[in-house]
Amino acid sequence: MEKFLRFPISGSTYILVSATNIALISQLTGTTTAIYYKSGGSATDVVTITHASLINDGFRDFVQNQVINALQTPWTAVSFDVTPPVAVSGIAIS
């Protein structure tokens, strides 16, 4: 079953990010966190979240906890609203 995290974007609207088929969540820098997804074959899809500075893997831990919370909701709750500890300025898919 598909589940999504609903992230607020500063000065914009909301963006849905898949909370399923995640292989790894990694805080790349103090201001970027990547979610790596399992996909067909050896390919990996990546969502990179750009956010205000947060050290010591704080944003990675936040995202991991929100994924767990989202996956624990009833099957009819497809979208899970998150309230990040710092502002999110963008989300890119590659």
C-alpha atoms as a PDB file:
ATOM      1  CA  MET A   1       0.000   0.000   0.000  1.00  0.00           C
ATOM      2  CA  GLU A   2       1.310   3.432  -0.939  1.00  0.00           C
ATOM      3  CA  LYS A   3       1.807   6.085   1.754  1.00  0.00           C
ATOM      4  CA  PHE A   4       3.048   9.644   1.348  1.00  0.00           C
ATOM      5  CA  LEU A   5       4.652  12.271   3.582  1.00  0.00           C
ATOM      6  CA  ARG A   6       3.147  15.717   2.940  1.00  0.00           C
ATOM      7  CA  PHE A   7       5.937  18.296   3.345  1.00  0.00           C
ATOM      8  CA  PRO A   8       5.251  22.046   3.581  1.00  0.00           C
ATOM      9  CA  ILE A   9       7.554  24.066   1.319  1.00  0.00           C
ATOM     10  CA  SER A  10       8.540  27.593   2.430  1.00  0.00           C
ATOM     11  CA  GLY A  11       6.701  30.272   0.456  1.00  0.00           C
ATOM     12  CA  SER A  12       4.909  27.657  -1.646  1.00  0.00           C
ATOM     13  CA  THR A  13       2.546  24.784  -1.062  1.00  0.00           C
ATOM     14  CA  TYR A  14       2.912  21.135  -0.089  1.00  0.00           C
ATOM     15  CA  ILE A  15       4.765  18.321  -1.841  1.00  0.00           C
ATOM     16  CA  LEU A  16       4.025  14.624  -1.431  1.00  0.00           C
ATOM     17  CA  VAL A  17       7.007  12.298  -0.961  1.00  0.00           C
ATOM     18  CA  SER A  18       6.598   8.534  -1.015  1.00  0.00           C
ATOM     19  CA  ALA A  19       7.040   6.786   2.338  1.00  0.00           C
ATOM     20  CA  THR A  20       7.265   3.297   0.806  1.00  0.00           C
ATOM     21  CA  ASN A  21      10.027   1.302  -0.894  1.00  0.00           C
ATOM     22  CA  ILE A  22      12.717   3.318   0.901  1.00  0.00           C
ATOM     23  CA  ALA A  23      16.175   1.777   0.908  1.00  0.00           C
ATOM     24  CA  LEU A  24      18.044   4.509   2.821  1.00  0.00           C
ATOM     25  CA  ILE A  25      17.599   7.975   4.333  1.00  0.00           C
ATOM     26  CA  SER A  26      20.819   9.971   4.589  1.00  0.00           C
ATOM     27  CA  GLN A  27      21.616  13.522   5.706  1.00  0.00           C
ATOM     28  CA  LEU A  28      24.150  14.585   3.078  1.00  0.00           C
ATOM     29  CA  THR A  29      24.990  17.971   4.610  1.00  0.00           C
ATOM     30  CA  GLY A  30      23.594  20.212   7.315  1.00  0.00           C
ATOM     31  CA  THR A  31      21.036  21.481   4.776  1.00  0.00           C
ATOM     32  CA  THR A  32      20.284  18.482   2.510  1.00  0.00           C
ATOM     33  CA  THR A  33      18.790  15.091   3.203  1.00  0.00           C
ATOM     34  CA  ALA A  34      18.321  12.343   0.611  1.00  0.00           C
ATOM     35  CA  ILE A  35      15.788   9.530   0.464  1.00  0.00           C
ATOM     36  CA  TYR A  36      16.919   6.602  -1.706  1.00  0.00           C
ATOM     37  CA  TYR A  37      14.218   4.330  -3.098  1.00  0.00           C
ATOM     38  CA  LYS A  38      14.394   0.735  -4.270  1.00  0.00           C
ATOM     39  CA  SER A  39      13.353   0.507  -7.896  1.00  0.00           C
ATOM     40  CA  GLY A  40      13.503  -2.066 -10.646  1.00  0.00           C
ATOM     41  CA  GLY A  41      16.859  -3.712 -11.306  1.00  0.00           C
ATOM     42  CA  SER A  42      19.915  -1.994  -9.881  1.00  0.00           C
ATOM     43  CA  ALA A  43      18.573   1.547 -10.361  1.00  0.00           C
ATOM     44  CA  THR A  44      17.884   3.829  -7.419  1.00  0.00           C
ATOM     45  CA  ASP A  45      15.583   6.856  -7.375  1.00  0.00           C
ATOM     46  CA  VAL A  46      16.566   9.729  -5.085  1.00  0.00           C
ATOM     47  CA  VAL A  47      14.527  12.525  -3.517  1.00  0.00           C
ATOM     48  CA  THR A  48      16.690  15.336  -2.117  1.00  0.00           C
ATOM     49  CA  ILE A  49      15.163  17.640   0.477  1.00  0.00           C
ATOM     50  CA  THR A  50      16.774  21.062   0.967  1.00  0.00           C
ATOM     51  CA  HIS A  51      16.131  22.511   4.405  1.00  0.00           C
ATOM     52  CA  ALA A  52      17.417  25.038   6.913  1.00  0.00           C
ATOM     53  CA  SER A  53      20.547  23.977   8.779  1.00  0.00           C
ATOM     54  CA  LEU A  54      20.188  21.096  11.200  1.00  0.00           C
ATOM     55  CA  ILE A  55      23.264  19.251  12.484  1.00  0.00           C
ATOM     56  CA  ASN A  56      23.965  15.776  13.862  1.00  0.00           C
ATOM     57  CA  ASP A  57      21.661  14.009  11.394  1.00  0.00           C
ATOM     58  CA  GLY A  58      18.684  15.733  12.988  1.00  0.00           C
ATOM     59  CA  PHE A  59      16.671  16.027   9.788  1.00  0.00           C
ATOM     60  CA  ARG A  60      17.440  12.434   8.788  1.00  0.00           C
ATOM     61  CA  ASP A  61      16.157  11.253  12.172  1.00  0.00           C
ATOM     62  CA  PHE A  62      13.048  13.404  11.747  1.00  0.00           C
ATOM     63  CA  VAL A  63      12.288  11.914   8.313  1.00  0.00           C
ATOM     64  CA  GLN A  64      12.868   8.358   9.557  1.00  0.00           C
ATOM     65  CA  ASN A  65      10.455   8.894  12.457  1.00  0.00           C
ATOM     66  CA  GLN A  66       7.836  10.418  10.138  1.00  0.00           C
ATOM     67  CA  VAL A  67       8.079   7.436   7.763  1.00  0.00           C
ATOM     68  CA  ILE A  68       7.472   5.080  10.699  1.00  0.00           C
ATOM     69  CA  ASN A  69       4.521   7.188  11.869  1.00  0.00           C
ATOM     70  CA  ALA A  70       3.017   7.307   8.364  1.00  0.00           C
ATOM     71  CA  LEU A  71       3.305   3.558   7.860  1.00  0.00           C
ATOM     72  CA  GLN A  72       1.520   2.944  11.174  1.00  0.00           C
ATOM     73  CA  THR A  73      -1.609   4.857  10.109  1.00  0.00           C
ATOM     74  CA  PRO A  74      -4.737   3.065   8.825  1.00  0.00           C
ATOM     75  CA  TRP A  75      -4.764   1.997   5.180  1.00  0.00           C
ATOM     76  CA  THR A  76      -7.288   4.752   4.342  1.00  0.00           C
ATOM     77  CA  ALA A  77      -4.849   7.473   5.493  1.00  0.00           C
ATOM     78  CA  VAL A  78      -2.686   7.749   2.389  1.00  0.00           C
ATOM     79  CA  SER A  79      -1.166  11.180   3.089  1.00  0.00           C
ATOM     80  CA  PHE A  80       0.602  11.987   6.381  1.00  0.00           C
ATOM     81  CA  ASP A  81       1.181  15.671   7.232  1.00  0.00           C
ATOM     82  CA  VAL A  82       4.620  16.369   8.661  1.00  0.00           C
ATOM     83  CA  THR A  83       5.803  19.423  10.587  1.00  0.00           C
ATOM     84  CA  PRO A  84       9.574  19.688  10.017  1.00  0.00           C
ATOM     85  CA  PRO A  85      11.762  21.059  12.832  1.00  0.00           C
ATOM     86  CA  VAL A  86      13.233  23.565  10.333  1.00  0.00           C
ATOM     87  CA  ALA A  87      11.957  25.166   7.121  1.00  0.00           C
ATOM     88  CA  VAL A  88      12.032  23.093   3.920  1.00  0.00           C
ATOM     89  CA  SER A  89      12.893  25.200   0.862  1.00  0.00           C
ATOM     90  CA  GLY A  90      12.742  22.573  -1.870  1.00  0.00           C
ATOM     91  CA  ILE A  91      12.440  18.947  -2.894  1.00  0.00           C
ATOM     92  CA  ALA A  92      14.075  17.538  -6.023  1.00  0.00           C
ATOM     93  CA  ILE A  93      13.728  14.118  -7.666  1.00  0.00           C
ATOM     94  CA  SER A  94      16.550  12.447  -9.566  1.00  0.00           C
END
